[in-house]
Amino acid sequence: GSTDLYPLFGICCSDGSIQLPAPPPP
């Protein structure tokens, strides 16, 4: 499912399992 056209990543959010709240607006 991870292709050059539609790449998937794991090092940022562990494939969606880590969800941080949005930062407050500046």
Full PDB file with SEQRES, HELIX, SHEET, SSBOND, CRYST1, ORIGX, SCALE, CONECT and MASTER records, all heavy atoms in Angstrom:
SEQRES   1 A   26  GLY SER THR ASP LEU TYR PRO LEU PHE GLY ILE CYS CYS          
SEQRES   2 A   26  SER ASP GLY SER ILE GLN LEU PRO ALA PRO PRO PRO PRO          
CRYST1    1.000    1.000    1.000  90.00  90.00  90.00 P 1           1          
ORIGX1      1.000000  0.000000  0.000000        0.00000                         
ORIGX2      0.000000  1.000000  0.000000        0.00000                         
ORIGX3      0.000000  0.000000  1.000000        0.00000                         
SCALE1      1.000000  0.000000  0.000000        0.00000                         
SCALE2      0.000000  1.000000  0.000000        0.00000                         
SCALE3      0.000000  0.000000  1.000000        0.00000                         
ATOM      1  N   GLY A   1       0.795  -1.217   0.000  1.00  0.00           N  
ATOM      2  CA  GLY A   1       0.000   0.000   0.000  1.00  0.00           C  
ATOM      3  C   GLY A   1       0.828   1.267   0.000  1.00  0.00           C  
ATOM      4  O   GLY A   1       0.305   2.351  -0.235  1.00  0.00           O  
ATOM      5  N   SER A   2       2.119   1.180   0.297  1.00  0.00           N  
ATOM      6  CA  SER A   2       2.997   2.345   0.300  1.00  0.00           C  
ATOM      7  C   SER A   2       3.773   2.379  -1.010  1.00  0.00           C  
ATOM      8  O   SER A   2       4.622   1.532  -1.256  1.00  0.00           O  
ATOM      9  CB  SER A   2       3.973   2.272   1.488  1.00  0.00           C  
ATOM     10  OG  SER A   2       4.776   3.428   1.526  1.00  0.00           O  
ATOM     11  N   THR A   3       3.436   3.341  -1.853  1.00  0.00           N  
ATOM     12  CA  THR A   3       4.074   3.443  -3.166  1.00  0.00           C  
ATOM     13  C   THR A   3       4.729   4.805  -3.320  1.00  0.00           C  
ATOM     14  O   THR A   3       4.546   5.692  -2.486  1.00  0.00           O  
ATOM     15  CB  THR A   3       3.016   3.272  -4.277  1.00  0.00           C  
ATOM     16  OG1 THR A   3       2.107   4.384  -4.209  1.00  0.00           O  
ATOM     17  CG2 THR A   3       2.243   1.969  -4.115  1.00  0.00           C  
ATOM     18  N   ASP A   4       5.469   4.981  -4.406  1.00  0.00           N  
ATOM     19  CA  ASP A   4       6.071   6.279  -4.680  1.00  0.00           C  
ATOM     20  C   ASP A   4       5.006   7.352  -4.863  1.00  0.00           C  
ATOM     21  O   ASP A   4       5.193   8.503  -4.467  1.00  0.00           O  
ATOM     22  CB  ASP A   4       6.956   6.218  -5.930  1.00  0.00           C  
ATOM     23  CG  ASP A   4       8.276   5.520  -5.673  1.00  0.00           C  
ATOM     24  OD1 ASP A   4       8.526   5.133  -4.502  1.00  0.00           O  
ATOM     25  OD2 ASP A   4       9.056   5.367  -6.621  1.00  0.00           O  
ATOM     26  N   LEU A   5       3.887   6.971  -5.478  1.00  0.00           N  
ATOM     27  CA  LEU A   5       2.796   7.939  -5.690  1.00  0.00           C  
ATOM     28  C   LEU A   5       2.004   8.212  -4.416  1.00  0.00           C  
ATOM     29  O   LEU A   5       1.568   9.329  -4.176  1.00  0.00           O  
ATOM     30  CB  LEU A   5       1.844   7.434  -6.773  1.00  0.00           C  
ATOM     31  CG  LEU A   5       2.159   7.917  -8.174  1.00  0.00           C  
ATOM     32  CD1 LEU A   5       1.333   7.161  -9.197  1.00  0.00           C  
ATOM     33  CD2 LEU A   5       1.929   9.403  -8.302  1.00  0.00           C  
ATOM     34  N   TYR A   6       1.776   7.172  -3.605  1.00  0.00           N  
ATOM     35  CA  TYR A   6       1.018   7.305  -2.361  1.00  0.00           C  
ATOM     36  C   TYR A   6       1.828   6.704  -1.215  1.00  0.00           C  
ATOM     37  O   TYR A   6       1.521   5.612  -0.732  1.00  0.00           O  
ATOM     38  CB  TYR A   6      -0.344   6.611  -2.491  1.00  0.00           C  
ATOM     39  CG  TYR A   6      -1.177   7.179  -3.594  1.00  0.00           C  
ATOM     40  CD1 TYR A   6      -1.320   6.517  -4.808  1.00  0.00           C  
ATOM     41  CD2 TYR A   6      -1.804   8.416  -3.442  1.00  0.00           C  
ATOM     42  CE1 TYR A   6      -2.065   7.057  -5.835  1.00  0.00           C  
ATOM     43  CE2 TYR A   6      -2.553   8.967  -4.474  1.00  0.00           C  
ATOM     44  CZ  TYR A   6      -2.680   8.284  -5.660  1.00  0.00           C  
ATOM     45  OH  TYR A   6      -3.421   8.823  -6.684  1.00  0.00           O  
ATOM     46  N   PRO A   7       2.866   7.443  -0.759  1.00  0.00           N  
ATOM     47  CA  PRO A   7       3.731   6.884   0.283  1.00  0.00           C  
ATOM     48  C   PRO A   7       3.060   6.928   1.661  1.00  0.00           C  
ATOM     49  O   PRO A   7       2.275   7.819   1.969  1.00  0.00           O  
ATOM     50  CB  PRO A   7       4.949   7.803   0.243  1.00  0.00           C  
ATOM     51  CG  PRO A   7       4.430   9.092  -0.276  1.00  0.00           C  
ATOM     52  CD  PRO A   7       3.319   8.751  -1.226  1.00  0.00           C  
ATOM     53  N   LEU A   8       3.390   5.931   2.484  1.00  0.00           N  
ATOM     54  CA  LEU A   8       2.959   5.877   3.872  1.00  0.00           C  
ATOM     55  C   LEU A   8       4.197   6.007   4.756  1.00  0.00           C  
ATOM     56  O   LEU A   8       5.286   5.565   4.370  1.00  0.00           O  
ATOM     57  CB  LEU A   8       2.242   4.559   4.165  1.00  0.00           C  
ATOM     58  CG  LEU A   8       0.979   4.278   3.341  1.00  0.00           C  
ATOM     59  CD1 LEU A   8       0.437   2.884   3.645  1.00  0.00           C  
ATOM     60  CD2 LEU A   8      -0.078   5.335   3.606  1.00  0.00           C  
ATOM     61  N   PHE A   9       4.021   6.605   5.911  1.00  0.00           N  
ATOM     62  CA  PHE A   9       5.152   6.863   6.803  1.00  0.00           C  
ATOM     63  C   PHE A   9       4.835   6.361   8.200  1.00  0.00           C  
ATOM     64  O   PHE A   9       3.677   6.350   8.619  1.00  0.00           O  
ATOM     65  CB  PHE A   9       5.469   8.359   6.844  1.00  0.00           C  
ATOM     66  CG  PHE A   9       5.784   8.922   5.490  1.00  0.00           C  
ATOM     67  CD1 PHE A   9       4.798   9.543   4.730  1.00  0.00           C  
ATOM     68  CD2 PHE A   9       7.054   8.806   4.958  1.00  0.00           C  
ATOM     69  CE1 PHE A   9       5.086  10.051   3.473  1.00  0.00           C  
ATOM     70  CE2 PHE A   9       7.353   9.303   3.704  1.00  0.00           C  
ATOM     71  CZ  PHE A   9       6.360   9.927   2.956  1.00  0.00           C  
ATOM     72  N   GLY A  10       5.847   5.979   8.930  1.00  0.00           N  
ATOM     73  CA  GLY A  10       5.636   5.458  10.270  1.00  0.00           C  
ATOM     74  C   GLY A  10       6.407   6.186  11.353  1.00  0.00           C  
ATOM     75  O   GLY A  10       6.074   6.084  12.522  1.00  0.00           O  
ATOM     76  N   ILE A  11       7.456   6.932  10.986  1.00  0.00           N  
ATOM     77  CA  ILE A  11       8.308   7.531  12.012  1.00  0.00           C  
ATOM     78  C   ILE A  11       7.708   8.774  12.648  1.00  0.00           C  
ATOM     79  O   ILE A  11       8.155   9.208  13.693  1.00  0.00           O  
ATOM     80  CB  ILE A  11       9.713   7.848  11.464  1.00  0.00           C  
ATOM     81  CG1 ILE A  11       9.653   8.849  10.324  1.00  0.00           C  
ATOM     82  CG2 ILE A  11      10.429   6.593  11.061  1.00  0.00           C  
ATOM     83  CD1 ILE A  11      11.021   9.314   9.850  1.00  0.00           C  
ATOM     84  N   CYS A  12       6.698   9.345  12.055  1.00  0.00           N  
ATOM     85  CA  CYS A  12       6.116  10.571  12.606  1.00  0.00           C  
ATOM     86  C   CYS A  12       5.017  10.273  13.612  1.00  0.00           C  
ATOM     87  O   CYS A  12       5.026  10.780  14.731  1.00  0.00           O  
ATOM     88  CB  CYS A  12       5.598  11.467  11.493  1.00  0.00           C  
ATOM     89  SG  CYS A  12       4.564  10.595  10.295  1.00  0.00           S  
ATOM     90  N   CYS A  13       4.063   9.471  13.235  1.00  0.00           N  
ATOM     91  CA  CYS A  13       2.882   9.231  14.081  1.00  0.00           C  
ATOM     92  C   CYS A  13       2.611   7.752  14.282  1.00  0.00           C  
ATOM     93  O   CYS A  13       1.524   7.388  14.741  1.00  0.00           O  
ATOM     94  CB  CYS A  13       1.667   9.920  13.488  1.00  0.00           C  
ATOM     95  SG  CYS A  13       1.189   9.268  11.871  1.00  0.00           S  
ATOM     96  N   SER A  14       3.573   6.909  13.917  1.00  0.00           N  
ATOM     97  CA  SER A  14       3.420   5.460  14.045  1.00  0.00           C  
ATOM     98  C   SER A  14       2.149   4.987  13.347  1.00  0.00           C  
ATOM     99  O   SER A  14       1.309   4.318  13.932  1.00  0.00           O  
ATOM    100  CB  SER A  14       3.439   5.062  15.520  1.00  0.00           C  
ATOM    101  OG  SER A  14       3.634   3.687  15.671  1.00  0.00           O  
ATOM    102  N   ASP A  15       2.043   5.422  12.095  1.00  0.00           N  
ATOM    103  CA  ASP A  15       0.918   5.046  11.227  1.00  0.00           C  
ATOM    104  C   ASP A  15      -0.440   5.445  11.820  1.00  0.00           C  
ATOM    105  O   ASP A  15      -1.407   4.723  11.747  1.00  0.00           O  
ATOM    106  CB  ASP A  15       0.951   3.547  10.921  1.00  0.00           C  
ATOM    107  CG  ASP A  15       0.112   3.207   9.691  1.00  0.00           C  
ATOM    108  OD1 ASP A  15      -0.024   4.059   8.796  1.00  0.00           O  
ATOM    109  OD2 ASP A  15      -0.409   2.073   9.635  1.00  0.00           O  
ATOM    110  N   GLY A  16      -0.469   6.636  12.436  1.00  0.00           N  
ATOM    111  CA  GLY A  16      -1.716   7.181  12.952  1.00  0.00           C  
ATOM    112  C   GLY A  16      -2.035   6.798  14.379  1.00  0.00           C  
ATOM    113  O   GLY A  16      -3.030   7.262  14.937  1.00  0.00           O  
ATOM    114  N   SER A  17      -1.212   5.973  15.025  1.00  0.00           N  
ATOM    115  CA  SER A  17      -1.523   5.555  16.398  1.00  0.00           C  
ATOM    116  C   SER A  17      -1.179   6.631  17.425  1.00  0.00           C  
ATOM    117  O   SER A  17      -1.647   6.574  18.558  1.00  0.00           O  
ATOM    118  CB  SER A  17      -0.816   4.248  16.742  1.00  0.00           C  
ATOM    119  OG  SER A  17       0.583   4.419  16.714  1.00  0.00           O  
ATOM    120  N   ILE A  18      -0.362   7.604  17.063  1.00  0.00           N  
ATOM    121  CA  ILE A  18      -0.035   8.719  17.953  1.00  0.00           C  
ATOM    122  C   ILE A  18      -0.718   9.964  17.403  1.00  0.00           C  
ATOM    123  O   ILE A  18      -0.471  10.378  16.275  1.00  0.00           O  
ATOM    124  CB  ILE A  18       1.482   8.946  18.035  1.00  0.00           C  
ATOM    125  CG1 ILE A  18       2.174   7.714  18.592  1.00  0.00           C  
ATOM    126  CG2 ILE A  18       1.791  10.183  18.865  1.00  0.00           C  
ATOM    127  CD1 ILE A  18       3.676   7.768  18.525  1.00  0.00           C  
ATOM    128  N   GLN A  19      -1.574  10.558  18.201  1.00  0.00           N  
ATOM    129  CA  GLN A  19      -2.291  11.752  17.777  1.00  0.00           C  
ATOM    130  C   GLN A  19      -2.088  12.847  18.813  1.00  0.00           C  
ATOM    131  O   GLN A  19      -2.518  12.708  19.961  1.00  0.00           O  
ATOM    132  CB  GLN A  19      -3.774  11.461  17.592  1.00  0.00           C  
ATOM    133  CG  GLN A  19      -4.027  10.471  16.477  1.00  0.00           C  
ATOM    134  CD  GLN A  19      -5.502  10.194  16.272  1.00  0.00           C  
ATOM    135  OE1 GLN A  19      -6.343  10.635  17.022  1.00  0.00           O  
ATOM    136  NE2 GLN A  19      -5.808   9.452  15.229  1.00  0.00           N  
ATOM    137  N   LEU A  20      -1.433  13.906  18.398  1.00  0.00           N  
ATOM    138  CA  LEU A  20      -1.203  15.044  19.282  1.00  0.00           C  
ATOM    139  C   LEU A  20      -2.297  16.074  19.072  1.00  0.00           C  
ATOM    140  O   LEU A  20      -2.782  16.250  17.951  1.00  0.00           O  
ATOM    141  CB  LEU A  20       0.157  15.675  18.986  1.00  0.00           C  
ATOM    142  CG  LEU A  20       1.377  14.775  19.165  1.00  0.00           C  
ATOM    143  CD1 LEU A  20       2.636  15.498  18.731  1.00  0.00           C  
ATOM    144  CD2 LEU A  20       1.495  14.325  20.607  1.00  0.00           C  
ATOM    145  N   PRO A  21      -2.670  16.791  20.132  1.00  0.00           N  
ATOM    146  CA  PRO A  21      -3.661  17.847  19.940  1.00  0.00           C  
ATOM    147  C   PRO A  21      -3.060  18.969  19.098  1.00  0.00           C  
ATOM    148  O   PRO A  21      -1.847  19.194  19.115  1.00  0.00           O  
ATOM    149  CB  PRO A  21      -3.960  18.318  21.364  1.00  0.00           C  
ATOM    150  CG  PRO A  21      -2.772  17.904  22.175  1.00  0.00           C  
ATOM    151  CD  PRO A  21      -2.222  16.682  21.518  1.00  0.00           C  
ATOM    152  N   ALA A  22      -3.904  19.643  18.376  1.00  0.00           N  
ATOM    153  CA  ALA A  22      -3.435  20.780  17.569  1.00  0.00           C  
ATOM    154  C   ALA A  22      -2.902  21.864  18.495  1.00  0.00           C  
ATOM    155  O   ALA A  22      -3.466  22.083  19.577  1.00  0.00           O  
ATOM    156  CB  ALA A  22      -4.581  21.329  16.732  1.00  0.00           C  
ATOM    157  N   PRO A  23      -1.811  22.513  18.119  1.00  0.00           N  
ATOM    158  CA  PRO A  23      -1.297  23.587  18.976  1.00  0.00           C  
ATOM    159  C   PRO A  23      -2.282  24.750  18.983  1.00  0.00           C  
ATOM    160  O   PRO A  23      -3.059  24.923  18.035  1.00  0.00           O  
ATOM    161  CB  PRO A  23       0.025  23.981  18.300  1.00  0.00           C  
ATOM    162  CG  PRO A  23      -0.108  23.522  16.894  1.00  0.00           C  
ATOM    163  CD  PRO A  23      -1.023  22.339  16.903  1.00  0.00           C  
ATOM    164  N   PRO A  24      -2.256  25.546  20.043  1.00  0.00           N  
ATOM    165  CA  PRO A  24      -3.155  26.701  20.063  1.00  0.00           C  
ATOM    166  C   PRO A  24      -2.755  27.682  18.962  1.00  0.00           C  
ATOM    167  O   PRO A  24      -1.590  27.709  18.537  1.00  0.00           O  
ATOM    168  CB  PRO A  24      -2.937  27.308  21.453  1.00  0.00           C  
ATOM    169  CG  PRO A  24      -1.602  26.819  21.884  1.00  0.00           C  
ATOM    170  CD  PRO A  24      -1.395  25.483  21.225  1.00  0.00           C  
ATOM    171  N   PRO A  25      -3.696  28.462  18.492  1.00  0.00           N  
ATOM    172  CA  PRO A  25      -3.340  29.418  17.441  1.00  0.00           C  
ATOM    173  C   PRO A  25      -2.361  30.455  17.986  1.00  0.00           C  
ATOM    174  O   PRO A  25      -2.412  30.804  19.168  1.00  0.00           O  
ATOM    175  CB  PRO A  25      -4.682  30.064  17.075  1.00  0.00           C  
ATOM    176  CG  PRO A  25      -5.568  29.825  18.251  1.00  0.00           C  
ATOM    177  CD  PRO A  25      -5.093  28.559  18.896  1.00  0.00           C  
ATOM    178  N   PRO A  26      -1.457  30.933  17.139  1.00  0.00           N  
ATOM    179  CA  PRO A  26      -0.502  31.947  17.603  1.00  0.00           C  
ATOM    180  C   PRO A  26      -1.220  33.278  17.832  1.00  0.00           C  
ATOM    181  O   PRO A  26      -2.311  33.499  17.298  1.00  0.00           O  
ATOM    182  CB  PRO A  26       0.496  32.048  16.443  1.00  0.00           C  
ATOM    183  CG  PRO A  26      -0.267  31.607  15.251  1.00  0.00           C  
ATOM    184  CD  PRO A  26      -1.261  30.591  15.735  1.00  0.00           C  
TER     185      PRO A  26                                                      
MASTER        0    0    0    0    0    0    0    6  184    1    0    2          
END                                                                             
